[in-house]
Amino acid sequence: LEPGDTLILYTDGCTDAENERQERYHLLERPRLREAIAGSFAHVEELGEHIRADIEGFVGRHEQFDDICLVGIRRKE
């Protein structure tokens, strides 16, 4: 990683999260995860919270069927 680069690792629980209409987070026309990751955040923690909130907002009240793991790493120097 070069200085300033960010690495985001996630499990299939993130991309396979389903809403009440049984639509999967990553299969919609809108590339939601890519859009969330592309945002500009001062801290990697903020990026992680943004992604988590986007997934939770998409899922709504639908029951989670898989574990979700999200790891963010940013090189400072």
Protein backbone atom coordinates (compact mmCIF):
# COMPACT_ATOMS: atom_id res chain seq x y z
CA LEU A 1 0.00 0.00 0.00
CA GLU A 2 1.16 3.48 -0.80
CA PRO A 3 0.79 6.32 1.71
CA GLY A 4 -2.87 7.33 1.90
CA ASP A 5 -4.15 4.07 0.36
CA THR A 6 -7.05 2.23 1.99
CA LEU A 7 -7.71 -1.49 1.91
CA ILE A 8 -11.25 -2.76 2.63
CA LEU A 9 -11.80 -6.47 3.26
CA TYR A 10 -15.30 -7.88 3.65
CA THR A 11 -17.01 -11.24 3.84
CA ASP A 12 -19.84 -12.43 1.63
CA GLY A 13 -22.22 -11.56 4.45
CA CYS A 14 -21.85 -7.93 3.34
CA THR A 15 -22.52 -8.52 -0.36
CA ASP A 16 -25.19 -11.20 0.18
CA ALA A 17 -27.21 -9.20 2.72
CA GLU A 18 -30.87 -9.29 1.69
CA ASN A 19 -33.73 -6.86 2.14
CA GLU A 20 -37.39 -7.77 2.70
CA ARG A 21 -37.91 -8.22 -1.07
CA GLN A 22 -35.07 -10.79 -1.03
CA GLU A 23 -32.88 -8.52 -3.16
CA ARG A 24 -29.19 -8.91 -2.42
CA TYR A 25 -27.04 -5.92 -1.63
CA HIS A 26 -24.55 -6.56 -4.44
CA LEU A 27 -26.93 -7.76 -7.16
CA LEU A 28 -28.89 -4.59 -7.72
CA GLU A 29 -28.27 -2.31 -10.70
CA ARG A 30 -26.68 0.24 -8.38
CA PRO A 31 -23.20 -0.88 -7.24
CA ARG A 32 -23.87 0.09 -3.60
CA LEU A 33 -20.72 -1.31 -2.00
CA ARG A 34 -18.47 0.23 -4.64
CA GLU A 35 -20.19 3.59 -4.16
CA ALA A 36 -19.85 3.37 -0.38
CA ILE A 37 -16.15 2.53 -0.59
CA ALA A 38 -15.48 5.30 -3.12
CA GLY A 39 -16.59 7.99 -0.65
CA SER A 40 -14.02 10.36 0.82
CA PHE A 41 -13.50 9.89 4.56
CA ALA A 42 -10.82 11.39 6.79
CA HIS A 43 -10.59 8.22 8.90
CA VAL A 44 -10.95 4.58 7.92
CA GLU A 45 -13.26 4.10 10.92
CA GLU A 46 -15.71 6.59 9.37
CA LEU A 47 -15.62 4.65 6.11
CA GLY A 48 -16.37 1.40 7.94
CA GLU A 49 -19.29 2.97 9.79
CA HIS A 50 -20.62 4.41 6.53
CA ILE A 51 -20.52 0.99 4.83
CA ARG A 52 -22.12 -0.71 7.85
CA ALA A 53 -24.90 1.89 7.99
CA ASP A 54 -25.54 1.54 4.24
CA ILE A 55 -25.87 -2.25 4.54
CA GLU A 56 -28.16 -1.94 7.57
CA GLY A 57 -30.27 0.67 5.79
CA PHE A 58 -30.62 -1.60 2.76
CA VAL A 59 -31.52 -4.67 4.84
CA GLY A 60 -34.01 -2.83 7.02
CA ARG A 61 -35.89 -5.18 9.34
CA HIS A 62 -35.09 -8.33 7.35
CA GLU A 63 -33.41 -11.01 9.44
CA GLN A 64 -29.66 -11.40 8.93
CA PHE A 65 -28.84 -14.90 7.65
CA ASP A 66 -25.05 -14.72 7.44
CA ASP A 67 -22.24 -13.26 9.50
CA ILE A 68 -20.85 -9.92 8.43
CA CYS A 69 -17.22 -8.93 8.80
CA LEU A 70 -15.68 -5.70 7.55
CA VAL A 71 -12.02 -4.72 8.03
CA GLY A 72 -10.48 -1.43 6.95
CA ILE A 73 -6.79 -0.59 6.81
CA ARG A 74 -5.30 2.77 5.81
CA ARG A 75 -1.60 3.48 5.40
CA LYS A 76 -0.74 6.85 6.88
CA GLU A 77 2.92 7.15 5.90
